[in-house]
Amino acid sequence: MINFKTAIMPKKSVLESKLRKTQRFIDSEVLRRCDPLVPFKIGNLKKSGIHGTKIGSGQVRYTAPYARYQYYAGRMSTTRGRRWFQRMKSEQGQELLAAAQRMLKGG
């Protein structure tokens, strides 16, 4: 049972700071971990992810005009090709989630 009189809650500003830092970490890790899966022979598709994403916003965006087509219907090779985020999430999602939880706990 929790004794609410002695429980110490972090200040709102400390909690918000941790959340912002963790969100920036997640966004940058998603870009980094998707990098080997994004088609590289298609112009600047990888760079459009870096330029189209505001780190910390919670949205990773690939802004190249053909990015949507490449994501849903592009060619596949052994490692690179369509649905790179879904593939990264299924392969490395648990690691990313565990790292984010460690950051929130203060580790």
PDB file of N, CA and C in Angstrom:
ATOM      1  N   MET A   1       0.839  -1.167   0.000  1.00  0.00           N
ATOM      2  CA  MET A   1       0.000   0.000   0.000  1.00  0.00           C
ATOM      3  C   MET A   1       0.893   1.242   0.000  1.00  0.00           C
ATOM      4  N   ILE A   2       0.535   2.231  -0.740  1.00  0.00           N
ATOM      5  CA  ILE A   2       1.312   3.460  -0.852  1.00  0.00           C
ATOM      6  C   ILE A   2       0.878   4.435   0.226  1.00  0.00           C
ATOM      7  N   ASN A   3       1.858   4.960   0.927  1.00  0.00           N
ATOM      8  CA  ASN A   3       1.582   6.001   1.910  1.00  0.00           C
ATOM      9  C   ASN A   3       1.715   7.330   1.187  1.00  0.00           C
ATOM     10  N   PHE A   4       0.591   7.975   0.907  1.00  0.00           N
ATOM     11  CA  PHE A   4       0.606   9.197   0.117  1.00  0.00           C
ATOM     12  C   PHE A   4       1.240  10.371   0.848  1.00  0.00           C
ATOM     13  N   LYS A   5       1.319  10.303   2.153  1.00  0.00           N
ATOM     14  CA  LYS A   5       1.936  11.387   2.905  1.00  0.00           C
ATOM     15  C   LYS A   5       3.455  11.390   2.731  1.00  0.00           C
ATOM     16  N   THR A   6       4.049  10.212   2.531  1.00  0.00           N
ATOM     17  CA  THR A   6       5.503  10.144   2.395  1.00  0.00           C
ATOM     18  C   THR A   6       5.960   9.921   0.955  1.00  0.00           C
ATOM     19  N   ALA A   7       5.040   9.638   0.056  1.00  0.00           N
ATOM     20  CA  ALA A   7       5.422   9.437  -1.347  1.00  0.00           C
ATOM     21  C   ALA A   7       5.870  10.756  -1.950  1.00  0.00           C
ATOM     22  N   ILE A   8       6.970  10.701  -2.669  1.00  0.00           N
ATOM     23  CA  ILE A   8       7.502  11.912  -3.283  1.00  0.00           C
ATOM     24  C   ILE A   8       7.212  11.853  -4.783  1.00  0.00           C
ATOM     25  N   MET A   9       6.479  12.825  -5.243  1.00  0.00           N
ATOM     26  CA  MET A   9       6.173  12.923  -6.664  1.00  0.00           C
ATOM     27  C   MET A   9       7.134  13.914  -7.293  1.00  0.00           C
ATOM     28  N   PRO A  10       7.642  13.600  -8.487  1.00  0.00           N
ATOM     29  CA  PRO A  10       8.522  14.566  -9.132  1.00  0.00           C
ATOM     30  C   PRO A  10       7.748  15.824  -9.518  1.00  0.00           C
ATOM     31  N   LYS A  11       8.451  16.924  -9.546  1.00  0.00           N
ATOM     32  CA  LYS A  11       7.812  18.172  -9.958  1.00  0.00           C
ATOM     33  C   LYS A  11       7.369  18.053 -11.407  1.00  0.00           C
ATOM     34  N   LYS A  12       6.353  18.799 -11.744  1.00  0.00           N
ATOM     35  CA  LYS A  12       5.797  18.766 -13.093  1.00  0.00           C
ATOM     36  C   LYS A  12       6.870  19.119 -14.121  1.00  0.00           C
ATOM     37  N   SER A  13       7.695  20.105 -13.828  1.00  0.00           N
ATOM     38  CA  SER A  13       8.720  20.528 -14.775  1.00  0.00           C
ATOM     39  C   SER A  13       9.767  19.431 -14.987  1.00  0.00           C
ATOM     40  N   VAL A  14      10.101  18.695 -13.929  1.00  0.00           N
ATOM     41  CA  VAL A  14      11.069  17.598 -14.048  1.00  0.00           C
ATOM     42  C   VAL A  14      10.487  16.484 -14.901  1.00  0.00           C
ATOM     43  N   LEU A  15       9.237  16.159 -14.665  1.00  0.00           N
ATOM     44  CA  LEU A  15       8.569  15.114 -15.439  1.00  0.00           C
ATOM     45  C   LEU A  15       8.465  15.506 -16.913  1.00  0.00           C
ATOM     46  N   GLU A  16       8.061  16.747 -17.180  1.00  0.00           N
ATOM     47  CA  GLU A  16       7.956  17.212 -18.565  1.00  0.00           C
ATOM     48  C   GLU A  16       9.315  17.196 -19.250  1.00  0.00           C
ATOM     49  N   SER A  17      10.356  17.559 -18.541  1.00  0.00           N
ATOM     50  CA  SER A  17      11.703  17.544 -19.093  1.00  0.00           C
ATOM     51  C   SER A  17      12.124  16.121 -19.465  1.00  0.00           C
ATOM     52  N   LYS A  18      11.839  15.158 -18.591  1.00  0.00           N
ATOM     53  CA  LYS A  18      12.158  13.760 -18.887  1.00  0.00           C
ATOM     54  C   LYS A  18      11.382  13.264 -20.102  1.00  0.00           C
ATOM     55  N   LEU A  19      10.110  13.646 -20.180  1.00  0.00           N
ATOM     56  CA  LEU A  19       9.288  13.209 -21.310  1.00  0.00           C
ATOM     57  C   LEU A  19       9.805  13.793 -22.627  1.00  0.00           C
ATOM     58  N   ARG A  20      10.172  15.093 -22.612  1.00  0.00           N
ATOM     59  CA  ARG A  20      10.712  15.713 -23.831  1.00  0.00           C
ATOM     60  C   ARG A  20      12.020  15.045 -24.254  1.00  0.00           C
ATOM     61  N   LYS A  21      12.892  14.791 -23.299  1.00  0.00           N
ATOM     62  CA  LYS A  21      14.172  14.163 -23.584  1.00  0.00           C
ATOM     63  C   LYS A  21      13.967  12.751 -24.149  1.00  0.00           C
ATOM     64  N   THR A  22      13.040  12.009 -23.567  1.00  0.00           N
ATOM     65  CA  THR A  22      12.758  10.650 -24.036  1.00  0.00           C
ATOM     66  C   THR A  22      12.149  10.671 -25.430  1.00  0.00           C
ATOM     67  N   GLN A  23      11.269  11.632 -25.714  1.00  0.00           N
ATOM     68  CA  GLN A  23      10.670  11.724 -27.047  1.00  0.00           C
ATOM     69  C   GLN A  23      11.726  12.056 -28.094  1.00  0.00           C
ATOM     70  N   ARG A  24      12.644  12.958 -27.771  1.00  0.00           N
ATOM     71  CA  ARG A  24      13.743  13.267 -28.698  1.00  0.00           C
ATOM     72  C   ARG A  24      14.589  12.025 -28.950  1.00  0.00           C
ATOM     73  N   PHE A  25      14.853  11.255 -27.906  1.00  0.00           N
ATOM     74  CA  PHE A  25      15.622  10.021 -28.038  1.00  0.00           C
ATOM     75  C   PHE A  25      14.908   9.041 -28.962  1.00  0.00           C
ATOM     76  N   ILE A  26      13.614   8.850 -28.751  1.00  0.00           N
ATOM     77  CA  ILE A  26      12.844   7.901 -29.567  1.00  0.00           C
ATOM     78  C   ILE A  26      12.853   8.329 -31.033  1.00  0.00           C
ATOM     79  N   ASP A  27      12.587   9.605 -31.301  1.00  0.00           N
ATOM     80  CA  ASP A  27      12.565  10.082 -32.687  1.00  0.00           C
ATOM     81  C   ASP A  27      13.907   9.865 -33.374  1.00  0.00           C
ATOM     82  N   SER A  28      14.989  10.213 -32.701  1.00  0.00           N
ATOM     83  CA  SER A  28      16.301  10.059 -33.325  1.00  0.00           C
ATOM     84  C   SER A  28      16.668   8.583 -33.486  1.00  0.00           C
ATOM     85  N   GLU A  29      16.273   7.746 -32.535  1.00  0.00           N
ATOM     86  CA  GLU A  29      16.549   6.311 -32.654  1.00  0.00           C
ATOM     87  C   GLU A  29      15.742   5.675 -33.783  1.00  0.00           C
ATOM     88  N   VAL A  30      14.511   6.112 -33.967  1.00  0.00           N
ATOM     89  CA  VAL A  30      13.707   5.578 -35.073  1.00  0.00           C
ATOM     90  C   VAL A  30      14.386   5.902 -36.400  1.00  0.00           C
ATOM     91  N   LEU A  31      14.836   7.142 -36.568  1.00  0.00           N
ATOM     92  CA  LEU A  31      15.543   7.502 -37.800  1.00  0.00           C
ATOM     93  C   LEU A  31      16.811   6.674 -37.965  1.00  0.00           C
ATOM     94  N   ARG A  32      17.566   6.527 -36.891  1.00  0.00           N
ATOM     95  CA  ARG A  32      18.829   5.785 -36.970  1.00  0.00           C
ATOM     96  C   ARG A  32      18.591   4.306 -37.259  1.00  0.00           C
ATOM     97  N   ARG A  33      17.626   3.716 -36.591  1.00  0.00           N
ATOM     98  CA  ARG A  33      17.379   2.282 -36.767  1.00  0.00           C
ATOM     99  C   ARG A  33      16.688   1.955 -38.087  1.00  0.00           C
ATOM    100  N   CYS A  34      15.950   2.906 -38.649  1.00  0.00           N
ATOM    101  CA  CYS A  34      15.318   2.694 -39.954  1.00  0.00           C
ATOM    102  C   CYS A  34      16.311   2.891 -41.097  1.00  0.00           C
ATOM    103  N   ASP A  35      17.388   3.611 -40.842  1.00  0.00           N
ATOM    104  CA  ASP A  35      18.342   3.959 -41.891  1.00  0.00           C
ATOM    105  C   ASP A  35      18.794   2.766 -42.731  1.00  0.00           C
ATOM    106  N   PRO A  36      19.176   1.632 -42.153  1.00  0.00           N
ATOM    107  CA  PRO A  36      19.601   0.508 -42.995  1.00  0.00           C
ATOM    108  C   PRO A  36      18.465  -0.163 -43.759  1.00  0.00           C
ATOM    109  N   LEU A  37      17.225   0.181 -43.468  1.00  0.00           N
ATOM    110  CA  LEU A  37      16.081  -0.457 -44.120  1.00  0.00           C
ATOM    111  C   LEU A  37      15.469   0.395 -45.218  1.00  0.00           C
ATOM    112  N   VAL A  38      15.777   1.704 -45.216  1.00  0.00           N
ATOM    113  CA  VAL A  38      15.220   2.628 -46.205  1.00  0.00           C
ATOM    114  C   VAL A  38      15.948   2.414 -47.532  1.00  0.00           C
ATOM    115  N   PRO A  39      15.209   2.362 -48.649  1.00  0.00           N
ATOM    116  CA  PRO A  39      15.869   2.216 -49.950  1.00  0.00           C
ATOM    117  C   PRO A  39      16.880   3.339 -50.175  1.00  0.00           C
ATOM    118  N   PHE A  40      18.107   2.987 -50.578  1.00  0.00           N
ATOM    119  CA  PHE A  40      19.128   4.015 -50.715  1.00  0.00           C
ATOM    120  C   PHE A  40      19.384   4.430 -52.145  1.00  0.00           C
ATOM    121  N   LYS A  41      18.891   3.705 -53.116  1.00  0.00           N
ATOM    122  CA  LYS A  41      19.116   4.072 -54.515  1.00  0.00           C
ATOM    123  C   LYS A  41      18.038   5.006 -55.034  1.00  0.00           C
ATOM    124  N   ILE A  42      17.215   5.506 -54.167  1.00  0.00           N
ATOM    125  CA  ILE A  42      16.083   6.334 -54.569  1.00  0.00           C
ATOM    126  C   ILE A  42      16.356   7.780 -54.159  1.00  0.00           C
ATOM    127  N   GLY A  43      17.297   8.402 -54.780  1.00  0.00           N
ATOM    128  CA  GLY A  43      17.568   9.814 -54.517  1.00  0.00           C
ATOM    129  C   GLY A  43      17.883  10.113 -53.071  1.00  0.00           C
ATOM    130  N   ASN A  44      17.176  11.066 -52.506  1.00  0.00           N
ATOM    131  CA  ASN A  44      17.429  11.512 -51.143  1.00  0.00           C
ATOM    132  C   ASN A  44      16.334  11.089 -50.183  1.00  0.00           C
ATOM    133  N   LEU A  45      15.830   9.885 -50.317  1.00  0.00           N
ATOM    134  CA  LEU A  45      14.745   9.435 -49.462  1.00  0.00           C
ATOM    135  C   LEU A  45      15.154   9.416 -47.995  1.00  0.00           C
ATOM    136  N   LYS A  46      16.363   8.907 -47.686  1.00  0.00           N
ATOM    137  CA  LYS A  46      16.810   8.879 -46.291  1.00  0.00           C
ATOM    138  C   LYS A  46      16.962  10.289 -45.743  1.00  0.00           C
ATOM    139  N   LYS A  47      17.520  11.176 -46.558  1.00  0.00           N
ATOM    140  CA  LYS A  47      17.696  12.552 -46.109  1.00  0.00           C
ATOM    141  C   LYS A  47      16.356  13.243 -45.884  1.00  0.00           C
ATOM    142  N   SER A  48      15.326  12.857 -46.642  1.00  0.00           N
ATOM    143  CA  SER A  48      14.026  13.493 -46.455  1.00  0.00           C
ATOM    144  C   SER A  48      13.448  13.140 -45.091  1.00  0.00           C
ATOM    145  N   GLY A  49      13.823  11.986 -44.531  1.00  0.00           N
ATOM    146  CA  GLY A  49      13.395  11.633 -43.183  1.00  0.00           C
ATOM    147  C   GLY A  49      14.051  12.524 -42.152  1.00  0.00           C
ATOM    148  N   ILE A  50      15.314  12.820 -42.355  1.00  0.00           N
ATOM    149  CA  ILE A  50      16.044  13.690 -41.432  1.00  0.00           C
ATOM    150  C   ILE A  50      15.528  15.120 -41.531  1.00  0.00           C
ATOM    151  N   HIS A  51      15.326  15.596 -42.758  1.00  0.00           N
ATOM    152  CA  HIS A  51      14.875  16.974 -42.952  1.00  0.00           C
ATOM    153  C   HIS A  51      13.387  17.159 -42.654  1.00  0.00           C
ATOM    154  N   GLY A  52      12.596  16.112 -42.821  1.00  0.00           N
ATOM    155  CA  GLY A  52      11.156  16.231 -42.623  1.00  0.00           C
ATOM    156  C   GLY A  52      10.700  16.008 -41.188  1.00  0.00           C
ATOM    157  N   THR A  53      11.621  15.576 -40.333  1.00  0.00           N
ATOM    158  CA  THR A  53      11.260  15.248 -38.957  1.00  0.00           C
ATOM    159  C   THR A  53      11.747  16.318 -38.001  1.00  0.00           C
ATOM    160  N   LYS A  54      10.853  16.777 -37.173  1.00  0.00           N
ATOM    161  CA  LYS A  54      11.243  17.672 -36.088  1.00  0.00           C
ATOM    162  C   LYS A  54      11.471  16.775 -34.873  1.00  0.00           C
ATOM    163  N   ILE A  55      12.735  16.597 -34.507  1.00  0.00           N
ATOM    164  CA  ILE A  55      13.082  15.705 -33.405  1.00  0.00           C
ATOM    165  C   ILE A  55      12.373  16.173 -32.135  1.00  0.00           C
ATOM    166  N   GLY A  56      11.651  15.273 -31.525  1.00  0.00           N
ATOM    167  CA  GLY A  56      10.904  15.583 -30.311  1.00  0.00           C
ATOM    168  C   GLY A  56       9.421  15.768 -30.541  1.00  0.00           C
ATOM    169  N   SER A  57       9.003  15.791 -31.803  1.00  0.00           N
ATOM    170  CA  SER A  57       7.588  16.006 -32.107  1.00  0.00           C
ATOM    171  C   SER A  57       6.760  14.723 -31.983  1.00  0.00           C
ATOM    172  N   GLY A  58       7.431  13.578 -32.076  1.00  0.00           N
ATOM    173  CA  GLY A  58       6.711  12.310 -32.023  1.00  0.00           C
ATOM    174  C   GLY A  58       6.266  11.825 -33.387  1.00  0.00           C
ATOM    175  N   GLN A  59       6.622  12.569 -34.436  1.00  0.00           N
ATOM    176  CA  GLN A  59       6.271  12.173 -35.800  1.00  0.00           C
ATOM    177  C   GLN A  59       7.531  12.151 -36.655  1.00  0.00           C
ATOM    178  N   VAL A  60       7.816  11.003 -37.240  1.00  0.00           N
ATOM    179  CA  VAL A  60       8.927  10.882 -38.180  1.00  0.00           C
ATOM    180  C   VAL A  60       8.317  10.945 -39.566  1.00  0.00           C
ATOM    181  N   ARG A  61       8.744  11.951 -40.351  1.00  0.00           N
ATOM    182  CA  ARG A  61       8.138  12.162 -41.669  1.00  0.00           C
ATOM    183  C   ARG A  61       9.206  12.113 -42.744  1.00  0.00           C
ATOM    184  N   TYR A  62       8.935  11.361 -43.791  1.00  0.00           N
ATOM    185  CA  TYR A  62       9.773  11.336 -44.986  1.00  0.00           C
ATOM    186  C   TYR A  62       9.051  12.207 -46.005  1.00  0.00           C
ATOM    187  N   THR A  63       9.671  13.301 -46.411  1.00  0.00           N
ATOM    188  CA  THR A  63       8.981  14.315 -47.199  1.00  0.00           C
ATOM    189  C   THR A  63       9.281  14.264 -48.689  1.00  0.00           C
ATOM    190  N   ALA A  64      10.088  13.324 -49.140  1.00  0.00           N
ATOM    191  CA  ALA A  64      10.370  13.217 -50.569  1.00  0.00           C
ATOM    192  C   ALA A  64       9.054  12.939 -51.302  1.00  0.00           C
ATOM    193  N   PRO A  65       8.886  13.469 -52.527  1.00  0.00           N
ATOM    194  CA  PRO A  65       7.625  13.301 -53.244  1.00  0.00           C
ATOM    195  C   PRO A  65       7.242  11.844 -53.471  1.00  0.00           C
ATOM    196  N   TYR A  66       8.215  10.959 -53.529  1.00  0.00           N
ATOM    197  CA  TYR A  66       7.956   9.551 -53.827  1.00  0.00           C
ATOM    198  C   TYR A  66       8.042   8.681 -52.569  1.00  0.00           C
ATOM    199  N   ALA A  67       8.159   9.269 -51.390  1.00  0.00           N
ATOM    200  CA  ALA A  67       8.352   8.505 -50.155  1.00  0.00           C
ATOM    201  C   ALA A  67       7.146   7.607 -49.858  1.00  0.00           C
ATOM    202  N   ARG A  68       5.941   8.126 -50.040  1.00  0.00           N
ATOM    203  CA  ARG A  68       4.745   7.324 -49.760  1.00  0.00           C
ATOM    204  C   ARG A  68       4.684   6.095 -50.669  1.00  0.00           C
ATOM    205  N   TYR A  69       4.947   6.306 -51.956  1.00  0.00           N
ATOM    206  CA  TYR A  69       4.957   5.177 -52.895  1.00  0.00           C
ATOM    207  C   TYR A  69       6.013   4.160 -52.488  1.00  0.00           C
ATOM    208  N   GLN A  70       7.217   4.618 -52.165  1.00  0.00           N
ATOM    209  CA  GLN A  70       8.298   3.707 -51.787  1.00  0.00           C
ATOM    210  C   GLN A  70       7.951   2.934 -50.513  1.00  0.00           C
ATOM    211  N   TYR A  71       7.284   3.594 -49.580  1.00  0.00           N
ATOM    212  CA  TYR A  71       6.943   2.933 -48.325  1.00  0.00           C
ATOM    213  C   TYR A  71       5.922   1.814 -48.545  1.00  0.00           C
ATOM    214  N   TYR A  72       4.905   2.083 -49.352  1.00  0.00           N
ATOM    215  CA  TYR A  72       3.829   1.109 -49.509  1.00  0.00           C
ATOM    216  C   TYR A  72       3.991   0.162 -50.692  1.00  0.00           C
ATOM    217  N   ALA A  73       4.641   0.590 -51.771  1.00  0.00           N
ATOM    218  CA  ALA A  73       4.675  -0.251 -52.966  1.00  0.00           C
ATOM    219  C   ALA A  73       6.059  -0.354 -53.595  1.00  0.00           C
ATOM    220  N   GLY A  74       7.083   0.170 -52.952  1.00  0.00           N
ATOM    221  CA  GLY A  74       8.422   0.161 -53.530  1.00  0.00           C
ATOM    222  C   GLY A  74       9.009  -1.235 -53.635  1.00  0.00           C
ATOM    223  N   ARG A  75      10.184  -1.286 -54.210  1.00  0.00           N
ATOM    224  CA  ARG A  75      10.883  -2.553 -54.384  1.00  0.00           C
ATOM    225  C   ARG A  75      11.437  -3.046 -53.055  1.00  0.00           C
ATOM    226  N   MET A  76      11.614  -4.349 -52.984  1.00  0.00           N
ATOM    227  CA  MET A  76      12.222  -4.968 -51.806  1.00  0.00           C
ATOM    228  C   MET A  76      13.538  -5.605 -52.208  1.00  0.00           C
ATOM    229  N   SER A  77      14.515  -5.478 -51.333  1.00  0.00           N
ATOM    230  CA  SER A  77      15.754  -6.232 -51.494  1.00  0.00           C
ATOM    231  C   SER A  77      15.895  -7.082 -50.230  1.00  0.00           C
ATOM    232  N   THR A  78      17.077  -7.587 -49.977  1.00  0.00           N
ATOM    233  CA  THR A  78      17.244  -8.444 -48.804  1.00  0.00           C
ATOM    234  C   THR A  78      16.995  -7.690 -47.508  1.00  0.00           C
ATOM    235  N   THR A  79      17.465  -6.437 -47.407  1.00  0.00           N
ATOM    236  CA  THR A  79      17.259  -5.682 -46.167  1.00  0.00           C
ATOM    237  C   THR A  79      16.504  -4.383 -46.383  1.00  0.00           C
ATOM    238  N   ARG A  80      16.648  -3.787 -47.536  1.00  0.00           N
ATOM    239  CA  ARG A  80      16.028  -2.485 -47.785  1.00  0.00           C
ATOM    240  C   ARG A  80      14.726  -2.651 -48.556  1.00  0.00           C
ATOM    241  N   GLY A  81      13.817  -1.707 -48.361  1.00  0.00           N
ATOM    242  CA  GLY A  81      12.588  -1.754 -49.129  1.00  0.00           C
ATOM    243  C   GLY A  81      11.397  -1.227 -48.357  1.00  0.00           C
ATOM    244  N   ARG A  82      10.235  -1.540 -48.848  1.00  0.00           N
ATOM    245  CA  ARG A  82       8.992  -0.961 -48.328  1.00  0.00           C
ATOM    246  C   ARG A  82       8.732  -1.328 -46.868  1.00  0.00           C
ATOM    247  N   ARG A  83       7.862  -0.515 -46.270  1.00  0.00           N
ATOM    248  CA  ARG A  83       7.419  -0.672 -44.886  1.00  0.00           C
ATOM    249  C   ARG A  83       8.590  -0.791 -43.911  1.00  0.00           C
ATOM    250  N   TRP A  84       9.575   0.100 -44.089  1.00  0.00           N
ATOM    251  CA  TRP A  84      10.783   0.038 -43.259  1.00  0.00           C
ATOM    252  C   TRP A  84      10.503   0.298 -41.787  1.00  0.00           C
ATOM    253  N   PHE A  85       9.547   1.157 -41.473  1.00  0.00           N
ATOM    254  CA  PHE A  85       9.251   1.413 -40.060  1.00  0.00           C
ATOM    255  C   PHE A  85       8.638   0.177 -39.401  1.00  0.00           C
ATOM    256  N   GLN A  86       7.700  -0.458 -40.067  1.00  0.00           N
ATOM    257  CA  GLN A  86       7.059  -1.651 -39.503  1.00  0.00           C
ATOM    258  C   GLN A  86       8.082  -2.761 -39.295  1.00  0.00           C
ATOM    259  N   ARG A  87       8.999  -2.921 -40.246  1.00  0.00           N
ATOM    260  CA  ARG A  87      10.019  -3.962 -40.111  1.00  0.00           C
ATOM    261  C   ARG A  87      10.977  -3.641 -38.968  1.00  0.00           C
ATOM    262  N   MET A  88      11.371  -2.368 -38.851  1.00  0.00           N
ATOM    263  CA  MET A  88      12.249  -1.972 -37.747  1.00  0.00           C
ATOM    264  C   MET A  88      11.555  -2.209 -36.419  1.00  0.00           C
ATOM    265  N   LYS A  89      10.262  -1.857 -36.345  1.00  0.00           N
ATOM    266  CA  LYS A  89       9.503  -2.006 -35.109  1.00  0.00           C
ATOM    267  C   LYS A  89       9.386  -3.473 -34.707  1.00  0.00           C
ATOM    268  N   SER A  90       9.177  -4.349 -35.660  1.00  0.00           N
ATOM    269  CA  SER A  90       9.049  -5.769 -35.313  1.00  0.00           C
ATOM    270  C   SER A  90      10.390  -6.374 -34.911  1.00  0.00           C
ATOM    271  N   GLU A  91      11.492  -5.875 -35.480  1.00  0.00           N
ATOM    272  CA  GLU A  91      12.814  -6.411 -35.159  1.00  0.00           C
ATOM    273  C   GLU A  91      13.412  -5.782 -33.898  1.00  0.00           C
ATOM    274  N   GLN A  92      13.220  -4.468 -33.709  1.00  0.00           N
ATOM    275  CA  GLN A  92      13.925  -3.757 -32.655  1.00  0.00           C
ATOM    276  C   GLN A  92      13.022  -2.961 -31.730  1.00  0.00           C
ATOM    277  N   GLY A  93      11.730  -3.098 -31.877  1.00  0.00           N
ATOM    278  CA  GLY A  93      10.792  -2.306 -31.105  1.00  0.00           C
ATOM    279  C   GLY A  93      10.888  -2.512 -29.600  1.00  0.00           C
ATOM    280  N   GLN A  94      11.081  -3.762 -29.173  1.00  0.00           N
ATOM    281  CA  GLN A  94      11.174  -4.041 -27.739  1.00  0.00           C
ATOM    282  C   GLN A  94      12.423  -3.412 -27.131  1.00  0.00           C
ATOM    283  N   GLU A  95      13.539  -3.432 -27.869  1.00  0.00           N
ATOM    284  CA  GLU A  95      14.772  -2.798 -27.394  1.00  0.00           C
ATOM    285  C   GLU A  95      14.568  -1.295 -27.241  1.00  0.00           C
ATOM    286  N   LEU A  96      13.939  -0.702 -28.220  1.00  0.00           N
ATOM    287  CA  LEU A  96      13.686   0.742 -28.193  1.00  0.00           C
ATOM    288  C   LEU A  96      12.762   1.109 -27.030  1.00  0.00           C
ATOM    289  N   LEU A  97      11.741   0.333 -26.822  1.00  0.00           N
ATOM    290  CA  LEU A  97      10.815   0.570 -25.719  1.00  0.00           C
ATOM    291  C   LEU A  97      11.523   0.435 -24.369  1.00  0.00           C
ATOM    292  N   ALA A  98      12.360  -0.583 -24.221  1.00  0.00           N
ATOM    293  CA  ALA A  98      13.096  -0.781 -22.966  1.00  0.00           C
ATOM    294  C   ALA A  98      14.053   0.377 -22.703  1.00  0.00           C
ATOM    295  N   ALA A  99      14.724   0.870 -23.749  1.00  0.00           N
ATOM    296  CA  ALA A  99      15.633   1.992 -23.584  1.00  0.00           C
ATOM    297  C   ALA A  99      14.879   3.252 -23.178  1.00  0.00           C
ATOM    298  N   ALA A 100      13.715   3.466 -23.765  1.00  0.00           N
ATOM    299  CA  ALA A 100      12.910   4.637 -23.399  1.00  0.00           C
ATOM    300  C   ALA A 100      12.418   4.535 -21.954  1.00  0.00           C
ATOM    301  N   GLN A 101      12.042   3.350 -21.531  1.00  0.00           N
ATOM    302  CA  GLN A 101      11.602   3.174 -20.147  1.00  0.00           C
ATOM    303  C   GLN A 101      12.751   3.424 -19.171  1.00  0.00           C
ATOM    304  N   ARG A 102      13.951   2.973 -19.516  1.00  0.00           N
ATOM    305  CA  ARG A 102      15.113   3.242 -18.662  1.00  0.00           C
ATOM    306  C   ARG A 102      15.370   4.740 -18.553  1.00  0.00           C
ATOM    307  N   MET A 103      15.196   5.464 -19.658  1.00  0.00           N
ATOM    308  CA  MET A 103      15.402   6.915 -19.613  1.00  0.00           C
ATOM    309  C   MET A 103      14.385   7.589 -18.687  1.00  0.00           C
ATOM    310  N   LEU A 104      13.153   7.144 -18.760  1.00  0.00           N
ATOM    311  CA  LEU A 104      12.110   7.738 -17.910  1.00  0.00           C
ATOM    312  C   LEU A 104      12.320   7.450 -16.427  1.00  0.00           C
ATOM    313  N   LYS A 105      12.911   6.296 -16.147  1.00  0.00           N
ATOM    314  CA  LYS A 105      13.174   5.942 -14.749  1.00  0.00           C
ATOM    315  C   LYS A 105      14.421   6.640 -14.215  1.00  0.00           C
ATOM    316  N   GLY A 106      15.160   7.289 -15.121  1.00  0.00           N
ATOM    317  CA  GLY A 106      16.320   8.031 -14.664  1.00  0.00           C
ATOM    318  C   GLY A 106      17.642   7.367 -14.963  1.00  0.00           C
ATOM    319  N   GLY A 107      17.614   6.277 -15.704  1.00  0.00           N
ATOM    320  CA  GLY A 107      18.846   5.545 -15.998  1.00  0.00           C
ATOM    321  C   GLY A 107      19.517   5.952 -17.253  1.00  0.00           C
TER     322      GLY A 107
END
